[in-house]
Amino acid sequence: MSDAPRARIKTGKASLIGGIAVGIASMIIWVGVGRELGFSGVVPMGIGVLVSAGIAGWIRVADL
């Protein structure tokens, strides 16, 4: 067993801001495309929120 201290990854503020910005932008695009295709309502918007949150979370984690 090793007695060496574990290195911690420091999360940057840029990845948080970038994740939020990409999530908002993807939701705006989702709404625009949905309106052009005639999809409106609670279900498509709810799916859009889930997709945008997933993308934002992926950007946040992938930037570490």
PDB file of N, CA and C in Angstrom:
ATOM      1  N   MET A   1       0.835  -1.182   0.000  1.00  0.00           N
ATOM      2  CA  MET A   1       0.000   0.000   0.000  1.00  0.00           C
ATOM      3  C   MET A   1       0.878   1.243   0.000  1.00  0.00           C
ATOM      4  N   SER A   2       0.396   2.218  -0.694  1.00  0.00           N
ATOM      5  CA  SER A   2       1.162   3.445  -0.845  1.00  0.00           C
ATOM      6  C   SER A   2       0.676   4.488   0.160  1.00  0.00           C
ATOM      7  N   ASP A   3       1.637   5.229   0.696  1.00  0.00           N
ATOM      8  CA  ASP A   3       1.305   6.302   1.635  1.00  0.00           C
ATOM      9  C   ASP A   3       1.290   7.661   0.944  1.00  0.00           C
ATOM     10  N   ALA A   4       1.378   7.663  -0.366  1.00  0.00           N
ATOM     11  CA  ALA A   4       1.395   8.924  -1.110  1.00  0.00           C
ATOM     12  C   ALA A   4       0.023   9.580  -1.043  1.00  0.00           C
ATOM     13  N   PRO A   5      -0.001  10.906  -0.891  1.00  0.00           N
ATOM     14  CA  PRO A   5      -1.291  11.604  -0.859  1.00  0.00           C
ATOM     15  C   PRO A   5      -1.971  11.543  -2.220  1.00  0.00           C
ATOM     16  N   ARG A   6      -3.269  11.487  -2.194  1.00  0.00           N
ATOM     17  CA  ARG A   6      -4.043  11.440  -3.429  1.00  0.00           C
ATOM     18  C   ARG A   6      -4.154  12.837  -4.025  1.00  0.00           C
ATOM     19  N   ALA A   7      -4.020  12.896  -5.320  1.00  0.00           N
ATOM     20  CA  ALA A   7      -4.174  14.172  -6.019  1.00  0.00           C
ATOM     21  C   ALA A   7      -5.658  14.424  -6.255  1.00  0.00           C
ATOM     22  N   ARG A   8      -6.086  15.623  -6.000  1.00  0.00           N
ATOM     23  CA  ARG A   8      -7.470  16.009  -6.242  1.00  0.00           C
ATOM     24  C   ARG A   8      -7.545  16.839  -7.501  1.00  0.00           C
ATOM     25  N   ILE A   9      -8.580  16.598  -8.260  1.00  0.00           N
ATOM     26  CA  ILE A   9      -8.806  17.391  -9.458  1.00  0.00           C
ATOM     27  C   ILE A   9      -9.605  18.622  -9.061  1.00  0.00           C
ATOM     28  N   LYS A  10      -9.066  19.781  -9.363  1.00  0.00           N
ATOM     29  CA  LYS A  10      -9.745  21.025  -9.040  1.00  0.00           C
ATOM     30  C   LYS A  10     -10.669  21.392 -10.201  1.00  0.00           C
ATOM     31  N   THR A  11     -11.932  21.528  -9.893  1.00  0.00           N
ATOM     32  CA  THR A  11     -12.900  21.879 -10.934  1.00  0.00           C
ATOM     33  C   THR A  11     -12.828  23.376 -11.190  1.00  0.00           C
ATOM     34  N   GLY A  12     -12.826  23.733 -12.449  1.00  0.00           N
ATOM     35  CA  GLY A  12     -12.732  25.138 -12.822  1.00  0.00           C
ATOM     36  C   GLY A  12     -14.089  25.787 -12.958  1.00  0.00           C
ATOM     37  N   LYS A  13     -14.086  27.083 -12.755  1.00  0.00           N
ATOM     38  CA  LYS A  13     -15.314  27.850 -12.906  1.00  0.00           C
ATOM     39  C   LYS A  13     -15.722  27.932 -14.375  1.00  0.00           C
ATOM     40  N   ALA A  14     -14.721  27.860 -15.265  1.00  0.00           N
ATOM     41  CA  ALA A  14     -15.014  27.948 -16.700  1.00  0.00           C
ATOM     42  C   ALA A  14     -15.865  26.774 -17.174  1.00  0.00           C
ATOM     43  N   SER A  15     -15.610  25.576 -16.644  1.00  0.00           N
ATOM     44  CA  SER A  15     -16.404  24.426 -17.075  1.00  0.00           C
ATOM     45  C   SER A  15     -17.844  24.542 -16.585  1.00  0.00           C
ATOM     46  N   LEU A  16     -18.040  25.122 -15.431  1.00  0.00           N
ATOM     47  CA  LEU A  16     -19.396  25.332 -14.925  1.00  0.00           C
ATOM     48  C   LEU A  16     -20.139  26.337 -15.793  1.00  0.00           C
ATOM     49  N   ILE A  17     -19.506  27.457 -16.065  1.00  0.00           N
ATOM     50  CA  ILE A  17     -20.133  28.495 -16.891  1.00  0.00           C
ATOM     51  C   ILE A  17     -20.351  27.987 -18.308  1.00  0.00           C
ATOM     52  N   GLY A  18     -19.370  27.259 -18.844  1.00  0.00           N
ATOM     53  CA  GLY A  18     -19.510  26.707 -20.190  1.00  0.00           C
ATOM     54  C   GLY A  18     -20.642  25.700 -20.279  1.00  0.00           C
ATOM     55  N   GLY A  19     -20.776  24.846 -19.264  1.00  0.00           N
ATOM     56  CA  GLY A  19     -21.862  23.874 -19.242  1.00  0.00           C
ATOM     57  C   GLY A  19     -23.227  24.543 -19.204  1.00  0.00           C
ATOM     58  N   ILE A  20     -23.340  25.571 -18.395  1.00  0.00           N
ATOM     59  CA  ILE A  20     -24.605  26.301 -18.304  1.00  0.00           C
ATOM     60  C   ILE A  20     -24.921  26.994 -19.624  1.00  0.00           C
ATOM     61  N   ALA A  21     -23.919  27.625 -20.225  1.00  0.00           N
ATOM     62  CA  ALA A  21     -24.133  28.335 -21.494  1.00  0.00           C
ATOM     63  C   ALA A  21     -24.539  27.372 -22.606  1.00  0.00           C
ATOM     64  N   VAL A  22     -23.875  26.230 -22.679  1.00  0.00           N
ATOM     65  CA  VAL A  22     -24.215  25.250 -23.715  1.00  0.00           C
ATOM     66  C   VAL A  22     -25.604  24.670 -23.465  1.00  0.00           C
ATOM     67  N   GLY A  23     -25.961  24.447 -22.201  1.00  0.00           N
ATOM     68  CA  GLY A  23     -27.302  23.946 -21.882  1.00  0.00           C
ATOM     69  C   GLY A  23     -28.391  24.925 -22.293  1.00  0.00           C
ATOM     70  N   ILE A  24     -28.172  26.196 -22.022  1.00  0.00           N
ATOM     71  CA  ILE A  24     -29.157  27.214 -22.415  1.00  0.00           C
ATOM     72  C   ILE A  24     -29.251  27.314 -23.931  1.00  0.00           C
ATOM     73  N   ALA A  25     -28.097  27.313 -24.590  1.00  0.00           N
ATOM     74  CA  ALA A  25     -28.099  27.411 -26.058  1.00  0.00           C
ATOM     75  C   ALA A  25     -28.787  26.204 -26.696  1.00  0.00           C
ATOM     76  N   SER A  26     -28.549  25.020 -26.157  1.00  0.00           N
ATOM     77  CA  SER A  26     -29.188  23.832 -26.737  1.00  0.00           C
ATOM     78  C   SER A  26     -30.701  23.858 -26.515  1.00  0.00           C
ATOM     79  N   MET A  27     -31.155  24.414 -25.411  1.00  0.00           N
ATOM     80  CA  MET A  27     -32.593  24.528 -25.181  1.00  0.00           C
ATOM     81  C   MET A  27     -33.222  25.531 -26.143  1.00  0.00           C
ATOM     82  N   ILE A  28     -32.519  26.623 -26.424  1.00  0.00           N
ATOM     83  CA  ILE A  28     -33.024  27.615 -27.375  1.00  0.00           C
ATOM     84  C   ILE A  28     -33.141  26.995 -28.765  1.00  0.00           C
ATOM     85  N   ILE A  29     -32.133  26.240 -29.147  1.00  0.00           N
ATOM     86  CA  ILE A  29     -32.176  25.563 -30.450  1.00  0.00           C
ATOM     87  C   ILE A  29     -33.302  24.541 -30.475  1.00  0.00           C
ATOM     88  N   TRP A  30     -33.481  23.792 -29.381  1.00  0.00           N
ATOM     89  CA  TRP A  30     -34.547  22.784 -29.294  1.00  0.00           C
ATOM     90  C   TRP A  30     -35.918  23.435 -29.496  1.00  0.00           C
ATOM     91  N   VAL A  31     -36.140  24.566 -28.823  1.00  0.00           N
ATOM     92  CA  VAL A  31     -37.422  25.258 -28.938  1.00  0.00           C
ATOM     93  C   VAL A  31     -37.630  25.764 -30.364  1.00  0.00           C
ATOM     94  N   GLY A  32     -36.585  26.342 -30.960  1.00  0.00           N
ATOM     95  CA  GLY A  32     -36.705  26.859 -32.322  1.00  0.00           C
ATOM     96  C   GLY A  32     -37.012  25.772 -33.341  1.00  0.00           C
ATOM     97  N   VAL A  33     -36.296  24.666 -33.256  1.00  0.00           N
ATOM     98  CA  VAL A  33     -36.528  23.556 -34.187  1.00  0.00           C
ATOM     99  C   VAL A  33     -37.906  22.943 -33.939  1.00  0.00           C
ATOM    100  N   GLY A  34     -38.283  22.820 -32.682  1.00  0.00           N
ATOM    101  CA  GLY A  34     -39.603  22.274 -32.354  1.00  0.00           C
ATOM    102  C   GLY A  34     -40.735  23.108 -32.916  1.00  0.00           C
ATOM    103  N   ARG A  35     -40.604  24.422 -32.829  1.00  0.00           N
ATOM    104  CA  ARG A  35     -41.647  25.301 -33.392  1.00  0.00           C
ATOM    105  C   ARG A  35     -41.701  25.204 -34.899  1.00  0.00           C
ATOM    106  N   GLU A  36     -40.547  25.120 -35.543  1.00  0.00           N
ATOM    107  CA  GLU A  36     -40.518  25.000 -37.004  1.00  0.00           C
ATOM    108  C   GLU A  36     -41.145  23.694 -37.470  1.00  0.00           C
ATOM    109  N   LEU A  37     -40.960  22.629 -36.692  1.00  0.00           N
ATOM    110  CA  LEU A  37     -41.518  21.335 -37.062  1.00  0.00           C
ATOM    111  C   LEU A  37     -42.945  21.136 -36.567  1.00  0.00           C
ATOM    112  N   GLY A  38     -43.463  22.092 -35.805  1.00  0.00           N
ATOM    113  CA  GLY A  38     -44.834  22.020 -35.339  1.00  0.00           C
ATOM    114  C   GLY A  38     -45.017  21.253 -34.042  1.00  0.00           C
ATOM    115  N   PHE A  39     -43.923  21.014 -33.325  1.00  0.00           N
ATOM    116  CA  PHE A  39     -44.017  20.327 -32.034  1.00  0.00           C
ATOM    117  C   PHE A  39     -44.026  21.374 -30.931  1.00  0.00           C
ATOM    118  N   SER A  40     -45.142  21.470 -30.235  1.00  0.00           N
ATOM    119  CA  SER A  40     -45.215  22.387 -29.105  1.00  0.00           C
ATOM    120  C   SER A  40     -46.021  21.712 -28.008  1.00  0.00           C
ATOM    121  N   GLY A  41     -45.812  22.128 -26.825  1.00  0.00           N
ATOM    122  CA  GLY A  41     -46.528  21.553 -25.699  1.00  0.00           C
ATOM    123  C   GLY A  41     -45.577  21.201 -24.579  1.00  0.00           C
ATOM    124  N   VAL A  42     -46.139  20.588 -23.565  1.00  0.00           N
ATOM    125  CA  VAL A  42     -45.381  20.284 -22.360  1.00  0.00           C
ATOM    126  C   VAL A  42     -44.397  19.123 -22.583  1.00  0.00           C
ATOM    127  N   VAL A  43     -44.823  18.087 -23.271  1.00  0.00           N
ATOM    128  CA  VAL A  43     -43.979  16.900 -23.449  1.00  0.00           C
ATOM    129  C   VAL A  43     -42.713  17.204 -24.262  1.00  0.00           C
ATOM    130  N   PRO A  44     -42.828  17.835 -25.438  1.00  0.00           N
ATOM    131  CA  PRO A  44     -41.599  18.152 -26.167  1.00  0.00           C
ATOM    132  C   PRO A  44     -40.669  19.105 -25.410  1.00  0.00           C
ATOM    133  N   MET A  45     -41.244  20.053 -24.690  1.00  0.00           N
ATOM    134  CA  MET A  45     -40.415  20.973 -23.912  1.00  0.00           C
ATOM    135  C   MET A  45     -39.763  20.259 -22.728  1.00  0.00           C
ATOM    136  N   GLY A  46     -40.475  19.339 -22.123  1.00  0.00           N
ATOM    137  CA  GLY A  46     -39.897  18.553 -21.031  1.00  0.00           C
ATOM    138  C   GLY A  46     -38.744  17.685 -21.512  1.00  0.00           C
ATOM    139  N   ILE A  47     -38.920  17.093 -22.680  1.00  0.00           N
ATOM    140  CA  ILE A  47     -37.832  16.306 -23.267  1.00  0.00           C
ATOM    141  C   ILE A  47     -36.649  17.219 -23.582  1.00  0.00           C
ATOM    142  N   GLY A  48     -36.935  18.409 -24.069  1.00  0.00           N
ATOM    143  CA  GLY A  48     -35.877  19.376 -24.364  1.00  0.00           C
ATOM    144  C   GLY A  48     -35.104  19.780 -23.129  1.00  0.00           C
ATOM    145  N   VAL A  49     -35.802  19.957 -22.019  1.00  0.00           N
ATOM    146  CA  VAL A  49     -35.127  20.297 -20.763  1.00  0.00           C
ATOM    147  C   VAL A  49     -34.212  19.151 -20.331  1.00  0.00           C
ATOM    148  N   LEU A  50     -34.697  17.924 -20.457  1.00  0.00           N
ATOM    149  CA  LEU A  50     -33.865  16.771 -20.083  1.00  0.00           C
ATOM    150  C   LEU A  50     -32.636  16.647 -20.981  1.00  0.00           C
ATOM    151  N   VAL A  51     -32.837  16.826 -22.282  1.00  0.00           N
ATOM    152  CA  VAL A  51     -31.703  16.749 -23.220  1.00  0.00           C
ATOM    153  C   VAL A  51     -30.703  17.861 -22.938  1.00  0.00           C
ATOM    154  N   SER A  52     -31.184  19.071 -22.735  1.00  0.00           N
ATOM    155  CA  SER A  52     -30.294  20.202 -22.466  1.00  0.00           C
ATOM    156  C   SER A  52     -29.536  20.027 -21.153  1.00  0.00           C
ATOM    157  N   ALA A  53     -30.217  19.519 -20.143  1.00  0.00           N
ATOM    158  CA  ALA A  53     -29.543  19.274 -18.860  1.00  0.00           C
ATOM    159  C   ALA A  53     -28.481  18.184 -19.015  1.00  0.00           C
ATOM    160  N   GLY A  54     -28.788  17.175 -19.809  1.00  0.00           N
ATOM    161  CA  GLY A  54     -27.804  16.125 -20.062  1.00  0.00           C
ATOM    162  C   GLY A  54     -26.581  16.648 -20.792  1.00  0.00           C
ATOM    163  N   ILE A  55     -26.802  17.486 -21.779  1.00  0.00           N
ATOM    164  CA  ILE A  55     -25.694  18.078 -22.518  1.00  0.00           C
ATOM    165  C   ILE A  55     -24.861  18.974 -21.605  1.00  0.00           C
ATOM    166  N   ALA A  56     -25.527  19.798 -20.804  1.00  0.00           N
ATOM    167  CA  ALA A  56     -24.811  20.685 -19.883  1.00  0.00           C
ATOM    168  C   ALA A  56     -23.999  19.882 -18.867  1.00  0.00           C
ATOM    169  N   GLY A  57     -24.578  18.826 -18.354  1.00  0.00           N
ATOM    170  CA  GLY A  57     -23.852  17.980 -17.412  1.00  0.00           C
ATOM    171  C   GLY A  57     -22.657  17.296 -18.057  1.00  0.00           C
ATOM    172  N   TRP A  58     -22.831  16.861 -19.294  1.00  0.00           N
ATOM    173  CA  TRP A  58     -21.729  16.209 -20.006  1.00  0.00           C
ATOM    174  C   TRP A  58     -20.576  17.200 -20.240  1.00  0.00           C
ATOM    175  N   ILE A  59     -20.903  18.418 -20.626  1.00  0.00           N
ATOM    176  CA  ILE A  59     -19.876  19.446 -20.833  1.00  0.00           C
ATOM    177  C   ILE A  59     -19.141  19.699 -19.528  1.00  0.00           C
ATOM    178  N   ARG A  60     -19.869  19.786 -18.442  1.00  0.00           N
ATOM    179  CA  ARG A  60     -19.257  20.047 -17.126  1.00  0.00           C
ATOM    180  C   ARG A  60     -18.298  18.917 -16.750  1.00  0.00           C
ATOM    181  N   VAL A  61     -18.716  17.679 -16.917  1.00  0.00           N
ATOM    182  CA  VAL A  61     -17.885  16.536 -16.521  1.00  0.00           C
ATOM    183  C   VAL A  61     -16.731  16.336 -17.503  1.00  0.00           C
ATOM    184  N   ALA A  62     -16.995  16.511 -18.788  1.00  0.00           N
ATOM    185  CA  ALA A  62     -15.972  16.253 -19.800  1.00  0.00           C
ATOM    186  C   ALA A  62     -14.858  17.289 -19.746  1.00  0.00           C
ATOM    187  N   ASP A  63     -15.126  18.450 -19.205  1.00  0.00           N
ATOM    188  CA  ASP A  63     -14.126  19.516 -19.161  1.00  0.00           C
ATOM    189  C   ASP A  63     -13.144  19.341 -18.000  1.00  0.00           C
ATOM    190  N   LEU A  64     -13.399  18.368 -17.139  1.00  0.00           N
ATOM    191  CA  LEU A  64     -12.485  18.146 -16.018  1.00  0.00           C
ATOM    192  C   LEU A  64     -11.252  17.496 -16.556  1.00  0.00           C
TER     193      LEU A  64
END
